[in-house]
Protein backbone atom coordinates (compact mmCIF):
# COMPACT_ATOMS: atom_id res chain seq x y z
CA MET A 1 -7.85 6.72 5.83
CA GLU A 2 -4.68 5.66 7.55
CA ASN A 3 -3.28 2.25 8.29
CA VAL A 4 -5.62 -0.36 9.62
CA PRO A 5 -4.36 -2.05 12.79
CA ASP A 6 -1.15 -3.81 11.88
CA ARG A 7 -1.23 -7.38 10.74
CA PRO A 8 1.79 -9.59 11.40
CA ALA A 9 4.72 -8.19 9.45
CA GLU A 10 5.65 -9.95 6.24
CA SER A 11 9.19 -10.02 7.61
CA SER A 12 8.08 -12.16 10.57
CA ARG A 13 9.72 -15.23 8.99
CA PRO A 14 13.45 -15.68 9.64
CA ALA A 15 15.12 -12.93 7.66
CA ASP A 16 18.22 -14.97 6.85
CA THR A 17 16.55 -18.01 5.23
CA ARG A 18 15.83 -16.44 1.83
CA GLY A 19 18.54 -16.88 -0.74
CA GLN A 20 20.94 -18.90 1.43
CA ALA A 21 22.26 -20.62 -1.68
CA ASP A 22 22.71 -17.35 -3.52
CA ARG A 23 26.20 -15.95 -3.10
CA GLU A 24 24.95 -12.50 -4.10
CA PHE A 25 22.43 -12.37 -1.25
CA VAL A 26 23.63 -10.23 1.67
CA GLY A 27 22.06 -11.77 4.75
CA GLY A 28 23.16 -9.01 7.10
CA LEU A 29 21.43 -6.36 5.02
CA ALA A 30 18.25 -8.46 4.86
CA ARG A 31 18.26 -8.88 8.61
CA GLY A 32 18.73 -5.17 9.20
CA LEU A 33 15.85 -4.29 6.91
CA ALA A 34 13.66 -6.91 8.59
CA VAL A 35 14.35 -5.27 11.96
CA ILE A 36 13.35 -1.84 10.63
CA GLU A 37 10.17 -3.25 9.10
CA CYS A 38 9.04 -5.01 12.28
CA PHE A 39 8.21 -1.68 13.95
CA GLY A 40 4.70 -0.40 13.30
CA THR A 41 1.72 1.53 14.59
CA ASP A 42 0.99 -1.26 17.06
CA ALA A 43 4.64 -1.46 18.11
CA PRO A 44 6.47 1.89 17.99
CA GLU A 45 8.83 0.68 20.73
CA LEU A 46 10.12 -2.86 21.03
CA THR A 47 12.39 -4.82 23.33
CA LEU A 48 15.13 -7.05 21.97
CA THR A 49 12.98 -10.11 22.71
CA GLU A 50 10.03 -8.60 20.84
CA VAL A 51 12.17 -7.73 17.82
CA ALA A 52 13.49 -11.28 17.71
CA ALA A 53 9.97 -12.70 17.91
CA ARG A 54 8.59 -10.41 15.19
CA THR A 55 11.46 -11.03 12.76
CA GLY A 56 12.14 -14.70 13.43
CA LEU A 57 15.76 -13.91 14.21
CA THR A 58 17.66 -15.31 17.16
CA PRO A 59 18.06 -12.85 20.05
CA ALA A 60 21.81 -12.65 19.42
CA THR A 61 21.31 -11.84 15.73
CA ALA A 62 18.56 -9.33 16.50
CA ARG A 63 20.82 -7.65 19.06
CA ARG A 64 23.66 -7.25 16.53
CA ALA A 65 21.27 -5.83 13.95
CA LEU A 66 19.78 -3.37 16.45
CA LEU A 67 23.16 -2.17 17.67
CA THR A 68 24.37 -1.73 14.10
CA LEU A 69 21.27 0.29 13.21
CA GLU A 70 21.78 2.34 16.38
CA ALA A 71 25.38 3.10 15.40
CA LEU A 72 24.17 4.20 11.95
CA GLY A 73 21.52 6.48 13.42
CA TYR A 74 18.41 4.53 12.37
CA VAL A 75 17.47 3.26 15.84
CA ARG A 76 17.63 4.68 19.36
CA GLN A 77 17.73 2.67 22.56
CA ASN A 78 15.84 3.83 25.64
CA ARG A 79 16.77 1.46 28.45
CA ARG A 80 15.40 -1.92 27.36
CA ARG A 81 13.33 -0.62 24.45
CA PHE A 82 14.26 0.38 20.93
CA VAL A 83 12.58 2.98 18.72
CA LEU A 84 13.13 4.06 15.13
CA ARG A 85 14.74 7.44 14.50
CA SER A 86 13.71 9.92 11.85
CA LYS A 87 16.70 8.97 9.69
CA VAL A 88 14.64 5.96 8.54
CA LEU A 89 12.54 8.43 6.53
CA ARG A 90 15.49 8.86 4.17
CA LEU A 91 14.87 5.37 2.84
CA GLY A 92 11.30 6.15 1.80
CA ALA A 93 12.19 9.65 0.67
CA ALA A 94 14.80 8.24 -1.70
CA TYR A 95 12.12 6.13 -3.38
CA LEU A 96 9.60 8.94 -3.68
CA SER A 97 12.10 11.44 -5.03
CA SER A 98 13.62 8.97 -7.49
CA MET A 99 10.15 8.19 -8.87
CA ASN A 100 9.49 11.92 -9.38
CA LEU A 101 5.97 11.46 -8.01
CA LYS A 102 5.58 15.02 -6.78
CA ASP A 103 5.84 16.43 -10.30
CA LEU A 104 4.18 13.62 -12.25
CA VAL A 105 1.30 12.55 -10.01
CA GLN A 106 0.50 15.06 -7.27
CA PRO A 107 -0.92 17.77 -9.59
CA GLN A 108 -3.47 15.29 -10.94
CA LEU A 109 -4.55 14.26 -7.45
CA GLN A 110 -4.80 17.88 -6.31
CA ALA A 111 -6.96 18.70 -9.34
CA LEU A 112 -9.37 15.89 -8.50
CA ASN A 113 -9.43 17.01 -4.88
CA ALA A 114 -10.17 20.62 -5.84
CA ARG A 115 -12.88 19.64 -8.31
CA PHE A 116 -14.85 17.17 -6.18
CA GLY A 117 -13.67 17.70 -2.62
CA ASP A 118 -12.76 14.00 -2.42
CA ALA A 119 -9.61 12.42 -1.14
CA SER A 120 -7.58 11.09 -4.05
CA SER A 121 -4.72 8.60 -4.04
CA LEU A 122 -2.32 6.62 -6.17
CA THR A 123 -1.36 3.17 -4.92
CA VAL A 124 0.63 0.13 -5.97
CA LEU A 125 0.33 -3.48 -4.85
CA GLU A 126 2.89 -4.84 -2.41
CA GLY A 127 2.23 -8.30 -1.07
CA ASN A 128 -1.35 -8.42 0.19
CA ASP A 129 -1.56 -4.64 0.65
CA VAL A 130 -1.89 -1.51 -1.40
CA VAL A 131 0.70 1.13 -0.55
CA TYR A 132 -0.08 4.83 -0.92
CA LEU A 133 2.59 6.58 -2.99
CA ALA A 134 0.75 9.87 -3.46
CA HIS A 135 -2.29 11.36 -1.77
CA ALA A 136 -4.46 14.48 -1.68
CA ALA A 137 -6.52 14.55 1.48
CA MET A 138 -10.12 15.52 2.00
CA GLU A 139 -10.13 18.69 4.11
CA LYS A 140 -12.67 17.61 6.71
CA ARG A 141 -12.62 13.88 7.15
CA GLU A 142 -13.59 12.77 10.61
CA ARG A 143 -13.04 9.06 10.40
CA ARG A 144 -10.98 6.51 12.23
CA LEU A 145 -8.78 5.80 9.21
CA ARG A 146 -6.84 8.43 7.31
CA GLN A 147 -4.48 7.97 4.39
CA SER A 148 -1.02 9.38 4.01
CA VAL A 149 1.95 8.60 1.80
CA GLY A 150 3.33 5.25 2.91
CA SER A 151 0.05 4.04 4.41
CA ARG A 152 -1.02 0.48 3.71
CA LEU A 153 -4.46 -1.04 3.38
CA PRO A 154 -5.38 -4.67 2.73
CA ALA A 155 -5.99 -5.09 -0.99
CA HIS A 156 -9.23 -7.04 -0.57
CA ALA A 157 -10.82 -4.08 1.24
CA ALA A 158 -9.65 -1.20 -0.96
CA SER A 159 -10.96 0.09 -4.29
CA THR A 160 -7.47 0.37 -5.74
CA GLY A 161 -6.75 -3.10 -4.37
CA HIS A 162 -9.61 -4.54 -6.40
CA VAL A 163 -8.23 -2.88 -9.52
CA LEU A 164 -4.70 -4.15 -8.95
CA LEU A 165 -5.80 -7.66 -8.01
CA ALA A 166 -8.06 -7.80 -11.06
CA HIS A 167 -5.11 -7.18 -13.36
CA LEU A 168 -2.67 -9.61 -11.79
CA PRO A 169 -1.59 -12.54 -13.93
CA ASP A 170 -3.92 -15.48 -13.32
CA PRO A 171 -1.39 -17.56 -11.30
CA ALA A 172 -0.57 -14.62 -9.01
CA ARG A 173 -4.23 -13.84 -8.42
CA ALA A 174 -4.97 -17.50 -7.72
CA ALA A 175 -2.17 -17.58 -5.17
CA TYR A 176 -3.58 -14.49 -3.50
CA LEU A 177 -7.13 -15.87 -3.39
CA ALA A 178 -5.85 -19.13 -1.93
CA GLN A 179 -5.10 -17.21 1.28
CA ALA A 180 -8.82 -16.58 1.91
CA PRO A 181 -10.68 -16.00 4.13
CA PHE A 182 -9.47 -12.43 4.61
CA PRO A 183 -10.19 -10.13 7.58
CA SER A 184 -13.59 -8.46 7.78
CA PHE A 185 -13.80 -4.75 8.66
CA THR A 186 -17.50 -4.14 7.98
CA ALA A 187 -20.48 -6.23 6.94
CA ASN A 188 -19.61 -5.32 3.32
CA THR A 189 -16.00 -6.51 3.32
CA PRO A 190 -15.44 -9.30 0.79
CA THR A 191 -13.59 -12.06 2.62
CA ASP A 192 -14.00 -15.30 0.64
CA ALA A 193 -12.27 -16.33 -2.56
CA ALA A 194 -15.42 -16.68 -4.68
CA THR A 195 -16.64 -13.18 -3.86
CA LEU A 196 -13.25 -11.62 -4.51
CA GLN A 197 -12.88 -13.49 -7.79
CA ALA A 198 -16.28 -12.21 -8.91
CA LEU A 199 -15.29 -8.65 -7.97
CA CYS A 200 -12.03 -9.00 -9.91
CA ASP A 201 -13.90 -10.26 -12.96
CA ALA A 202 -16.37 -7.34 -12.77
CA THR A 203 -13.54 -4.86 -12.31
CA ARG A 204 -11.72 -6.11 -15.40
CA ALA A 205 -14.94 -6.02 -17.42
CA ASN A 206 -16.01 -2.55 -16.24
CA GLY A 207 -12.59 -0.92 -16.13
CA HIS A 208 -13.18 0.38 -12.61
CA ALA A 209 -13.91 -0.70 -9.04
CA LEU A 210 -16.59 0.93 -6.86
CA VAL A 211 -16.70 0.00 -3.17
CA ARG A 212 -19.04 1.25 -0.45
CA ASP A 213 -18.46 0.86 3.30
CA VAL A 214 -15.89 -1.89 2.76
CA ILE A 215 -12.89 -0.78 4.82
CA GLU A 216 -15.01 1.35 7.16
CA TYR A 217 -18.52 2.73 7.20
CA GLY A 218 -18.90 6.12 5.57
CA VAL A 219 -16.45 5.59 2.68
CA LEU A 220 -17.42 5.35 -0.98
CA ALA A 221 -14.43 4.90 -3.28
CA LEU A 222 -14.00 4.61 -7.04
CA ALA A 223 -10.73 3.45 -8.62
CA VAL A 224 -9.35 2.97 -12.13
CA PRO A 225 -6.10 1.44 -13.41
CA ILE A 226 -2.98 3.24 -14.57
CA ARG A 227 -1.15 1.54 -17.43
CA ASP A 228 2.41 1.75 -18.70
CA ALA A 229 3.40 2.17 -22.32
CA ALA A 230 2.89 -1.54 -22.94
CA GLY A 231 -0.62 -1.48 -21.51
CA ARG A 232 0.36 -3.21 -18.27
CA VAL A 233 -1.52 -2.11 -15.14
CA PHE A 234 1.06 -1.17 -12.50
CA ALA A 235 -0.83 1.30 -10.29
CA ALA A 236 -4.32 2.55 -9.54
CA ILE A 237 -5.85 5.94 -8.79
CA ASN A 238 -9.03 6.62 -6.85
CA CYS A 239 -11.43 9.17 -5.44
CA SER A 240 -12.88 8.60 -1.97
CA ALA A 241 -16.10 10.36 -0.92
CA ASP A 242 -18.57 10.31 1.95
CA SER A 243 -20.92 7.37 1.37
CA MET A 244 -23.63 9.05 3.43
CA ARG A 245 -23.76 12.00 1.02
CA THR A 246 -22.86 10.49 -2.36
CA ARG A 247 -24.80 7.90 -4.37
CA ASP A 248 -23.10 5.26 -6.50
CA GLU A 249 -24.71 6.67 -9.65
CA GLU A 250 -23.40 10.16 -8.89
CA MET A 251 -19.91 8.81 -8.24
CA LEU A 252 -19.82 7.02 -11.57
CA ALA A 253 -21.33 9.89 -13.55
CA THR A 254 -19.07 12.62 -12.15
CA ARG A 255 -15.81 11.03 -11.00
CA LEU A 256 -15.29 8.19 -13.45
CA PRO A 257 -14.57 10.32 -16.55
CA ALA A 258 -12.25 12.58 -14.54
CA LEU A 259 -10.43 9.63 -13.00
CA ARG A 260 -9.90 7.98 -16.36
CA ALA A 261 -8.57 11.22 -17.83
CA ALA A 262 -6.18 11.64 -14.90
CA ALA A 263 -5.05 8.01 -15.16
CA ASN A 264 -4.31 8.47 -18.87
CA GLU A 265 -2.31 11.63 -18.24
CA ILE A 266 -0.33 10.00 -15.46
CA GLY A 267 0.33 6.95 -17.62
CA GLU A 268 1.55 9.13 -20.49
CA ALA A 269 3.78 11.13 -18.15
CA LEU A 270 5.26 8.00 -16.63
CA ALA A 271 5.94 6.60 -20.10
CA ARG A 272 8.63 9.28 -20.28
CA PHE A 273 9.83 8.33 -16.80
CA PRO A 274 9.20 4.57 -16.48
CA ALA A 275 11.05 3.86 -13.23
CA LEU A 276 7.83 3.68 -11.19
CA ALA A 277 6.27 1.13 -13.51
CA HIS A 278 9.47 -0.92 -13.47
CA SER A 279 9.69 -0.79 -9.67
CA THR A 280 6.28 -2.30 -9.00
CA GLY A 281 7.13 -5.73 -10.39
CA ILE A 282 3.45 -6.59 -10.97
């Protein structure tokens, strides 16, 4: 599965309002990052006016940010429209390489993929979304949504999202649930606070989340938590199968033990390299 149609960017509020009283806060840097983040699958090219509207910046401020990013090689201008350049990938690549995910996580996902033929992913919670940090794809997956590293899915409609929401501190989870109702993608998508709270409670009690046809029809996904050395849940790992061919009972009987074993191994590996756990801030 890949990104669902973009929701309004979290950076759509004015990028220079946060931390105005903090002398250590660099407003120009925040504005530049907000401009980069406002591009998306629904808006690969934007005019100056559109960038200003999506970031909450004034047109003059948005123009200075765009021209600075263009001079640095992160943005290209084509007449009245701006587009990101591939240099932006360096920002994400720096995170992935510094977390050492290729060596610590990818082998576990590939092993699950080879054993069951499922897609397998590791995600963390960022805002209202889960972000894919590592992924092993199903070979033949003919669906509208496809995952890749860096993809985002709304937490309320993802198996790993249920796991991560379930293990949030109570005040943080309450703040999240207060935003309900959430968007519906299928008839099975949980959208109200009471339903999501019940799912979180069941996930904590069971130690896993199993979702069927929630983000799109045809997807059955099972997720378990990954814990750091202190027992804190900071990420989740899942297997995603074809819901038309796999029963819930089969998923639990075959994938759950393997997922838990993989989660334990990843957690133990990351205990020797804790930067990823520290970076999540959950």
